[in-house]
Amino acid sequence: MPQLNPAPWFAILVFSWLIFLTVIPPKVMAHTFLNEPTPQSAKTPKTEPWNWPWH
């Protein structure tokens, strides 16, 4: 049964992960958002109590 011989499959697994770990992270880290978020004001808005008509 060739599935039980780990030599070629382990090498393929290791080399594929090395390729993924060297190619994908720079592409992900170079991603920039189109619209940079603007900081909102720190003051909390004044909330009004609800006027329940049945209470």
N, C-alpha and C. Protein backbone atom coordinates (compact mmCIF):
# COMPACT_ATOMS: atom_id res chain seq x y z
N MET A 1 0.84 -1.18 0.00
CA MET A 1 0.00 0.00 0.00
C MET A 1 0.89 1.25 0.00
N PRO A 2 0.87 2.03 -1.05
CA PRO A 2 1.77 3.19 -1.12
C PRO A 2 1.38 4.32 -0.17
N GLN A 3 0.14 4.34 0.34
CA GLN A 3 -0.26 5.42 1.24
C GLN A 3 0.49 5.35 2.57
N LEU A 4 0.98 4.17 2.93
CA LEU A 4 1.64 4.02 4.21
C LEU A 4 3.09 4.46 4.20
N ASN A 5 3.63 4.75 3.03
CA ASN A 5 5.00 5.23 2.93
C ASN A 5 4.96 6.76 3.04
N PRO A 6 5.39 7.32 4.17
CA PRO A 6 5.25 8.76 4.36
C PRO A 6 6.31 9.60 3.68
N ALA A 7 7.31 9.00 3.10
CA ALA A 7 8.43 9.78 2.58
C ALA A 7 8.01 10.77 1.50
N PRO A 8 7.37 10.37 0.40
CA PRO A 8 7.06 11.40 -0.61
C PRO A 8 5.96 12.35 -0.16
N TRP A 9 4.99 11.86 0.59
CA TRP A 9 3.87 12.73 0.98
C TRP A 9 4.29 13.75 2.02
N PHE A 10 5.17 13.37 2.91
CA PHE A 10 5.64 14.32 3.92
C PHE A 10 6.46 15.42 3.26
N ALA A 11 7.29 15.07 2.31
CA ALA A 11 8.09 16.07 1.60
C ALA A 11 7.18 17.02 0.82
N ILE A 12 6.16 16.50 0.17
CA ILE A 12 5.22 17.34 -0.57
C ILE A 12 4.49 18.28 0.40
N LEU A 13 4.09 17.76 1.55
CA LEU A 13 3.42 18.59 2.54
C LEU A 13 4.33 19.71 3.04
N VAL A 14 5.56 19.39 3.36
CA VAL A 14 6.49 20.39 3.90
C VAL A 14 6.80 21.44 2.84
N PHE A 15 7.07 21.04 1.62
CA PHE A 15 7.41 22.01 0.58
C PHE A 15 6.21 22.87 0.20
N SER A 16 5.03 22.29 0.17
CA SER A 16 3.86 23.11 -0.15
C SER A 16 3.61 24.14 0.95
N TRP A 17 3.79 23.77 2.23
CA TRP A 17 3.61 24.74 3.30
C TRP A 17 4.69 25.81 3.27
N LEU A 18 5.90 25.43 2.93
CA LEU A 18 6.96 26.45 2.80
C LEU A 18 6.63 27.44 1.70
N ILE A 19 6.10 26.96 0.60
CA ILE A 19 5.72 27.86 -0.50
C ILE A 19 4.57 28.76 -0.06
N PHE A 20 3.55 28.18 0.60
CA PHE A 20 2.43 28.99 1.06
C PHE A 20 2.87 30.05 2.07
N LEU A 21 3.78 29.68 2.97
CA LEU A 21 4.20 30.62 4.00
C LEU A 21 5.16 31.68 3.48
N THR A 22 5.74 31.49 2.32
CA THR A 22 6.61 32.52 1.77
C THR A 22 5.91 33.38 0.73
N VAL A 23 4.84 32.89 0.12
CA VAL A 23 4.17 33.65 -0.93
C VAL A 23 2.96 34.42 -0.39
N ILE A 24 2.15 33.80 0.43
CA ILE A 24 0.88 34.41 0.84
C ILE A 24 1.03 35.55 1.87
N PRO A 25 1.84 35.43 2.93
CA PRO A 25 1.89 36.53 3.91
C PRO A 25 2.30 37.89 3.34
N PRO A 26 3.29 38.00 2.45
CA PRO A 26 3.56 39.33 1.91
C PRO A 26 2.39 39.90 1.12
N LYS A 27 1.65 39.05 0.41
CA LYS A 27 0.50 39.54 -0.33
C LYS A 27 -0.60 40.03 0.60
N VAL A 28 -0.80 39.32 1.70
CA VAL A 28 -1.83 39.73 2.66
C VAL A 28 -1.41 41.00 3.38
N MET A 29 -0.16 41.09 3.77
CA MET A 29 0.30 42.26 4.51
C MET A 29 0.37 43.50 3.63
N ALA A 30 0.48 43.34 2.32
CA ALA A 30 0.55 44.49 1.41
C ALA A 30 -0.84 45.01 1.07
N HIS A 31 -1.88 44.33 1.53
CA HIS A 31 -3.24 44.76 1.22
C HIS A 31 -3.55 46.07 1.92
N THR A 32 -4.13 47.01 1.18
CA THR A 32 -4.54 48.28 1.77
C THR A 32 -6.02 48.46 1.52
N PHE A 33 -6.68 49.11 2.45
CA PHE A 33 -8.09 49.40 2.31
C PHE A 33 -8.27 50.60 1.39
N LEU A 34 -9.34 50.60 0.62
CA LEU A 34 -9.59 51.71 -0.27
C LEU A 34 -9.96 52.97 0.50
N ASN A 35 -10.78 52.83 1.50
CA ASN A 35 -11.21 53.97 2.31
C ASN A 35 -10.69 53.77 3.73
N GLU A 36 -9.76 54.60 4.12
CA GLU A 36 -9.24 54.51 5.48
C GLU A 36 -10.31 55.02 6.45
N PRO A 37 -10.55 54.33 7.55
CA PRO A 37 -11.58 54.78 8.48
C PRO A 37 -11.16 56.07 9.18
N THR A 38 -12.12 56.96 9.34
CA THR A 38 -11.85 58.21 10.04
C THR A 38 -12.21 58.04 11.50
N PRO A 39 -11.41 58.58 12.40
CA PRO A 39 -11.72 58.43 13.83
C PRO A 39 -12.98 59.23 14.19
N GLN A 40 -13.83 58.62 14.98
CA GLN A 40 -15.06 59.28 15.42
C GLN A 40 -14.77 60.09 16.68
N SER A 41 -15.67 61.00 17.00
CA SER A 41 -15.48 61.81 18.19
C SER A 41 -15.63 60.94 19.44
N ALA A 42 -14.90 61.30 20.48
CA ALA A 42 -14.88 60.50 21.69
C ALA A 42 -16.07 60.78 22.60
N LYS A 43 -16.78 61.91 22.40
CA LYS A 43 -17.90 62.22 23.30
C LYS A 43 -19.09 61.33 22.98
N THR A 44 -19.79 60.93 24.02
CA THR A 44 -20.95 60.06 23.84
C THR A 44 -22.17 60.93 23.57
N PRO A 45 -23.02 60.51 22.67
CA PRO A 45 -24.21 61.32 22.39
C PRO A 45 -25.20 61.27 23.55
N LYS A 46 -25.94 62.38 23.70
CA LYS A 46 -26.92 62.46 24.79
C LYS A 46 -28.14 61.63 24.39
N THR A 47 -28.52 60.72 25.27
CA THR A 47 -29.66 59.86 24.97
C THR A 47 -30.90 60.40 25.66
N GLU A 48 -32.01 60.33 24.97
CA GLU A 48 -33.29 60.76 25.51
C GLU A 48 -34.08 59.53 25.94
N PRO A 49 -34.83 59.60 27.06
CA PRO A 49 -35.66 58.45 27.43
C PRO A 49 -36.85 58.33 26.47
N TRP A 50 -37.26 57.10 26.25
CA TRP A 50 -38.37 56.86 25.34
C TRP A 50 -39.67 57.25 26.00
N ASN A 51 -40.54 57.84 25.23
CA ASN A 51 -41.85 58.22 25.73
C ASN A 51 -42.83 57.14 25.30
N TRP A 52 -43.13 56.20 26.23
CA TRP A 52 -44.04 55.11 25.90
C TRP A 52 -45.48 55.60 26.03
N PRO A 53 -46.27 55.54 24.99
CA PRO A 53 -47.64 56.07 25.08
C PRO A 53 -48.55 55.22 25.95
N TRP A 54 -48.25 53.97 26.18
CA TRP A 54 -49.16 53.12 26.97
C TRP A 54 -48.75 53.02 28.43
N HIS A 55 -47.74 53.70 28.83
CA HIS A 55 -47.29 53.60 30.22
C HIS A 55 -47.60 54.84 30.99
